[in-house]
Amino acid sequence: MESRPTAAGDGGFAFTFHGSYTRAVDAKGRFALPFRLRRAGAEQVEEKYMVSRGADGTLSLQPYDVWVENFNRLRSEPPSQKLRDYLRRMSANSTEVTVDAQGRVAIAPEKLAEYGIDRKITVLGVGSYMELWSPEALAARAGDEADDAAFDDAFFR
């Protein structure tokens, strides 16, 4: 239910986001980023994130440095048409956002509407990033008992 600093391979710090939080979204597309998922600290001047198209019909909210690392990892691949398409897709579908003094993130209401997000948003911590869901879409995505059993077998071995 929180983000915790964990040792990264390069000696720096990475964050592990986990937990699920549902928040209200106002008419300007603002919602309170759960405190347990925030990366604010004394050493940080500004909390920056990138909002981009995520997997499985979600919006992704990544710490800015994680997004840049992923972008640079892609850029290091050998040049190709496919790579240029990926870089365009990543750039065109990403927007930098910051956390305001009240702990809110603002995403254009039109962008939220594309993902079925209106008055409520569920912020789901998924390791190095967060997924932004409409609560209804997330509930519809919930697995059945067979999926639960397969998950239990994979996770609790």
C-alpha atoms as a PDB file:
ATOM      1  CA  MET A   1       0.000   0.000   0.000  1.00  0.00           C
ATOM      2  CA  GLU A   2       2.939   2.347  -0.166  1.00  0.00           C
ATOM      3  CA  SER A   3       5.974   3.283  -2.175  1.00  0.00           C
ATOM      4  CA  ARG A   4       9.215   2.242  -0.611  1.00  0.00           C
ATOM      5  CA  PRO A   5      12.737   3.040  -1.682  1.00  0.00           C
ATOM      6  CA  THR A   6      14.549  -0.133  -2.662  1.00  0.00           C
ATOM      7  CA  ALA A   7      18.146  -0.533  -3.672  1.00  0.00           C
ATOM      8  CA  ALA A   8      18.566  -0.254  -7.419  1.00  0.00           C
ATOM      9  CA  GLY A   9      21.274  -2.061  -9.328  1.00  0.00           C
ATOM     10  CA  ASP A  10      23.099   1.193 -10.135  1.00  0.00           C
ATOM     11  CA  GLY A  11      23.386   2.268  -6.504  1.00  0.00           C
ATOM     12  CA  GLY A  12      20.502   4.735  -6.841  1.00  0.00           C
ATOM     13  CA  PHE A  13      16.994   4.277  -5.589  1.00  0.00           C
ATOM     14  CA  ALA A  14      13.916   2.919  -7.276  1.00  0.00           C
ATOM     15  CA  PHE A  15      10.404   2.969  -5.926  1.00  0.00           C
ATOM     16  CA  THR A  16       8.017   0.084  -5.671  1.00  0.00           C
ATOM     17  CA  PHE A  17       4.429   1.260  -5.942  1.00  0.00           C
ATOM     18  CA  HIS A  18       1.655  -0.998  -4.710  1.00  0.00           C
ATOM     19  CA  GLY A  19      -1.884  -0.722  -3.432  1.00  0.00           C
ATOM     20  CA  SER A  20      -5.182   0.411  -4.896  1.00  0.00           C
ATOM     21  CA  TYR A  21      -6.801   3.767  -4.147  1.00  0.00           C
ATOM     22  CA  THR A  22      -9.989   5.302  -5.525  1.00  0.00           C
ATOM     23  CA  ARG A  23     -10.172   9.083  -5.638  1.00  0.00           C
ATOM     24  CA  ALA A  24     -12.603  11.753  -6.825  1.00  0.00           C
ATOM     25  CA  VAL A  25     -11.788  13.615 -10.049  1.00  0.00           C
ATOM     26  CA  ASP A  26     -12.858  17.253 -10.340  1.00  0.00           C
ATOM     27  CA  ALA A  27     -14.056  19.068 -13.488  1.00  0.00           C
ATOM     28  CA  LYS A  28     -10.471  20.127 -14.293  1.00  0.00           C
ATOM     29  CA  GLY A  29      -9.205  16.523 -14.246  1.00  0.00           C
ATOM     30  CA  ARG A  30      -7.474  16.858 -10.876  1.00  0.00           C
ATOM     31  CA  PHE A  31      -7.282  14.077  -8.319  1.00  0.00           C
ATOM     32  CA  ALA A  32      -5.323  13.601  -5.112  1.00  0.00           C
ATOM     33  CA  LEU A  33      -2.356  11.323  -5.639  1.00  0.00           C
ATOM     34  CA  PRO A  34      -2.379   8.938  -2.670  1.00  0.00           C
ATOM     35  CA  PHE A  35       0.287  10.004  -0.194  1.00  0.00           C
ATOM     36  CA  ARG A  36       1.614   6.455   0.041  1.00  0.00           C
ATOM     37  CA  LEU A  37       2.325   6.545  -3.695  1.00  0.00           C
ATOM     38  CA  ARG A  38       4.033   9.913  -3.726  1.00  0.00           C
ATOM     39  CA  ARG A  39       7.775  10.277  -4.109  1.00  0.00           C
ATOM     40  CA  ALA A  40       8.168  13.617  -2.358  1.00  0.00           C
ATOM     41  CA  GLY A  41      11.169  13.930  -0.135  1.00  0.00           C
ATOM     42  CA  ALA A  42      13.522  16.546   1.218  1.00  0.00           C
ATOM     43  CA  GLU A  43      15.897  16.050  -1.721  1.00  0.00           C
ATOM     44  CA  GLN A  44      13.167  16.521  -4.314  1.00  0.00           C
ATOM     45  CA  VAL A  45      12.367  20.004  -5.542  1.00  0.00           C
ATOM     46  CA  GLU A  46       9.434  19.045  -7.746  1.00  0.00           C
ATOM     47  CA  GLU A  47       7.491  15.815  -8.046  1.00  0.00           C
ATOM     48  CA  LYS A  48       7.332  15.103 -11.792  1.00  0.00           C
ATOM     49  CA  TYR A  49       5.535  12.257 -13.500  1.00  0.00           C
ATOM     50  CA  MET A  50       4.725  11.278 -17.062  1.00  0.00           C
ATOM     51  CA  VAL A  51       1.205  10.281 -18.036  1.00  0.00           C
ATOM     52  CA  SER A  52       1.111   8.011 -21.058  1.00  0.00           C
ATOM     53  CA  ARG A  53      -0.832   5.263 -22.703  1.00  0.00           C
ATOM     54  CA  GLY A  54      -0.481   2.153 -20.604  1.00  0.00           C
ATOM     55  CA  ALA A  55      -1.057  -1.535 -21.150  1.00  0.00           C
ATOM     56  CA  ASP A  56      -4.494  -3.158 -21.175  1.00  0.00           C
ATOM     57  CA  GLY A  57      -6.457   0.018 -21.848  1.00  0.00           C
ATOM     58  CA  THR A  58      -5.097   2.038 -18.944  1.00  0.00           C
ATOM     59  CA  LEU A  59      -3.282   5.289 -18.481  1.00  0.00           C
ATOM     60  CA  SER A  60       0.185   4.926 -16.993  1.00  0.00           C
ATOM     61  CA  LEU A  61       1.635   7.340 -14.436  1.00  0.00           C
ATOM     62  CA  GLN A  62       5.409   6.937 -14.210  1.00  0.00           C
ATOM     63  CA  PRO A  63       7.963   8.900 -12.242  1.00  0.00           C
ATOM     64  CA  TYR A  64       9.666  11.198 -14.736  1.00  0.00           C
ATOM     65  CA  ASP A  65      13.066   9.527 -14.302  1.00  0.00           C
ATOM     66  CA  VAL A  66      11.573   6.061 -14.907  1.00  0.00           C
ATOM     67  CA  TRP A  67       9.887   7.289 -18.107  1.00  0.00           C
ATOM     68  CA  VAL A  68      13.162   8.852 -19.334  1.00  0.00           C
ATOM     69  CA  GLU A  69      15.038   5.636 -18.523  1.00  0.00           C
ATOM     70  CA  ASN A  70      12.512   3.607 -20.555  1.00  0.00           C
ATOM     71  CA  PHE A  71      12.651   6.111 -23.430  1.00  0.00           C
ATOM     72  CA  ASN A  72      16.459   6.033 -23.479  1.00  0.00           C
ATOM     73  CA  ARG A  73      16.446   2.228 -23.330  1.00  0.00           C
ATOM     74  CA  LEU A  74      14.291   2.220 -26.465  1.00  0.00           C
ATOM     75  CA  ARG A  75      16.531   4.806 -28.155  1.00  0.00           C
ATOM     76  CA  SER A  76      19.571   2.590 -27.623  1.00  0.00           C
ATOM     77  CA  GLU A  77      18.136  -0.069 -29.960  1.00  0.00           C
ATOM     78  CA  PRO A  78      19.458  -0.267 -33.532  1.00  0.00           C
ATOM     79  CA  PRO A  79      17.681   2.247 -35.810  1.00  0.00           C
ATOM     80  CA  SER A  80      14.645   0.883 -37.637  1.00  0.00           C
ATOM     81  CA  GLN A  81      11.209   1.945 -38.825  1.00  0.00           C
ATOM     82  CA  LYS A  82       9.658  -0.009 -35.951  1.00  0.00           C
ATOM     83  CA  LEU A  83      11.853   1.804 -33.413  1.00  0.00           C
ATOM     84  CA  ARG A  84      10.926   5.196 -34.846  1.00  0.00           C
ATOM     85  CA  ASP A  85       7.255   4.212 -34.640  1.00  0.00           C
ATOM     86  CA  TYR A  86       7.686   3.182 -30.981  1.00  0.00           C
ATOM     87  CA  LEU A  87       9.480   6.425 -30.118  1.00  0.00           C
ATOM     88  CA  ARG A  88       6.776   8.478 -31.842  1.00  0.00           C
ATOM     89  CA  ARG A  89       4.052   6.569 -30.020  1.00  0.00           C
ATOM     90  CA  MET A  90       5.790   7.001 -26.687  1.00  0.00           C
ATOM     91  CA  SER A  91       6.391  10.718 -27.232  1.00  0.00           C
ATOM     92  CA  ALA A  92       3.021  11.595 -28.759  1.00  0.00           C
ATOM     93  CA  ASN A  93       1.040   9.855 -26.024  1.00  0.00           C
ATOM     94  CA  SER A  94       2.969  11.229 -23.039  1.00  0.00           C
ATOM     95  CA  THR A  95       2.493  14.382 -20.991  1.00  0.00           C
ATOM     96  CA  GLU A  96       4.544  15.689 -18.078  1.00  0.00           C
ATOM     97  CA  VAL A  97       2.556  16.425 -14.920  1.00  0.00           C
ATOM     98  CA  THR A  98       3.509  17.680 -11.484  1.00  0.00           C
ATOM     99  CA  VAL A  99       1.937  17.376  -8.064  1.00  0.00           C
ATOM    100  CA  ASP A 100       0.470  20.666  -6.846  1.00  0.00           C
ATOM    101  CA  ALA A 101       0.629  22.070  -3.298  1.00  0.00           C
ATOM    102  CA  GLN A 102      -2.549  20.141  -2.392  1.00  0.00           C
ATOM    103  CA  GLY A 103      -1.052  16.831  -3.578  1.00  0.00           C
ATOM    104  CA  ARG A 104      -3.132  16.727  -6.769  1.00  0.00           C
ATOM    105  CA  VAL A 105      -2.229  15.684 -10.288  1.00  0.00           C
ATOM    106  CA  ALA A 106      -4.089  17.287 -13.211  1.00  0.00           C
ATOM    107  CA  ILE A 107      -4.733  15.335 -16.396  1.00  0.00           C
ATOM    108  CA  ALA A 108      -6.744  16.844 -19.241  1.00  0.00           C
ATOM    109  CA  PRO A 109     -10.388  15.793 -18.830  1.00  0.00           C
ATOM    110  CA  GLU A 110     -10.444  14.819 -22.525  1.00  0.00           C
ATOM    111  CA  LYS A 111      -7.561  12.397 -21.954  1.00  0.00           C
ATOM    112  CA  LEU A 112      -9.299  10.891 -18.915  1.00  0.00           C
ATOM    113  CA  ALA A 113     -12.526  10.515 -20.923  1.00  0.00           C
ATOM    114  CA  GLU A 114     -10.643   8.502 -23.585  1.00  0.00           C
ATOM    115  CA  TYR A 115     -10.058   5.904 -20.871  1.00  0.00           C
ATOM    116  CA  GLY A 116     -13.571   6.017 -19.410  1.00  0.00           C
ATOM    117  CA  ILE A 117     -12.485   8.022 -16.363  1.00  0.00           C
ATOM    118  CA  ASP A 118     -15.007  10.638 -15.265  1.00  0.00           C
ATOM    119  CA  ARG A 119     -15.787  11.409 -11.614  1.00  0.00           C
ATOM    120  CA  LYS A 120     -13.755   8.614  -9.999  1.00  0.00           C
ATOM    121  CA  ILE A 121     -10.301   7.225 -10.685  1.00  0.00           C
ATOM    122  CA  THR A 122      -8.544   4.183  -9.255  1.00  0.00           C
ATOM    123  CA  VAL A 123      -4.788   4.541  -8.868  1.00  0.00           C
ATOM    124  CA  LEU A 124      -3.129   1.130  -8.807  1.00  0.00           C
ATOM    125  CA  GLY A 125       0.531   0.747  -7.844  1.00  0.00           C
ATOM    126  CA  VAL A 126       2.271  -1.742 -10.156  1.00  0.00           C
ATOM    127  CA  GLY A 127       5.950  -1.818  -9.250  1.00  0.00           C
ATOM    128  CA  SER A 128       7.841   0.985 -11.002  1.00  0.00           C
ATOM    129  CA  TYR A 129       4.710   2.783 -12.209  1.00  0.00           C
ATOM    130  CA  MET A 130       1.028   3.352 -11.481  1.00  0.00           C
ATOM    131  CA  GLU A 131      -1.996   2.480 -13.581  1.00  0.00           C
ATOM    132  CA  LEU A 132      -4.970   4.839 -13.764  1.00  0.00           C
ATOM    133  CA  TRP A 133      -8.310   3.068 -14.199  1.00  0.00           C
ATOM    134  CA  SER A 134     -11.970   3.885 -14.174  1.00  0.00           C
ATOM    135  CA  PRO A 135     -13.256   1.885 -11.175  1.00  0.00           C
ATOM    136  CA  GLU A 136     -15.801   0.160 -13.446  1.00  0.00           C
ATOM    137  CA  ALA A 137     -13.169  -0.959 -15.970  1.00  0.00           C
ATOM    138  CA  LEU A 138     -10.944  -2.315 -13.204  1.00  0.00           C
ATOM    139  CA  ALA A 139     -13.859  -4.229 -11.650  1.00  0.00           C
ATOM    140  CA  ALA A 140     -14.733  -5.700 -15.059  1.00  0.00           C
ATOM    141  CA  ARG A 141     -11.114  -6.823 -15.444  1.00  0.00           C
ATOM    142  CA  ALA A 142     -11.188  -8.815 -12.187  1.00  0.00           C
ATOM    143  CA  GLY A 143     -10.478 -12.487 -12.758  1.00  0.00           C
ATOM    144  CA  ASP A 144     -12.650 -15.462 -12.042  1.00  0.00           C
ATOM    145  CA  GLU A 145     -11.935 -18.251  -9.546  1.00  0.00           C
ATOM    146  CA  ALA A 146      -9.761 -20.165 -12.034  1.00  0.00           C
ATOM    147  CA  ASP A 147      -7.651 -17.041 -12.585  1.00  0.00           C
ATOM    148  CA  ASP A 148      -7.406 -16.578  -8.815  1.00  0.00           C
ATOM    149  CA  ALA A 149      -6.188 -20.152  -8.351  1.00  0.00           C
ATOM    150  CA  ALA A 150      -3.564 -19.740 -11.098  1.00  0.00           C
ATOM    151  CA  PHE A 151      -2.400 -16.483  -9.500  1.00  0.00           C
ATOM    152  CA  ASP A 152      -2.177 -18.127  -6.073  1.00  0.00           C
ATOM    153  CA  ASP A 153      -0.111 -20.976  -7.535  1.00  0.00           C
ATOM    154  CA  ALA A 154       2.282 -18.543  -9.242  1.00  0.00           C
ATOM    155  CA  PHE A 155       2.618 -16.030  -6.409  1.00  0.00           C
ATOM    156  CA  PHE A 156       2.616 -18.237  -3.309  1.00  0.00           C
ATOM    157  CA  ARG A 157       5.051 -20.944  -4.302  1.00  0.00           C
END
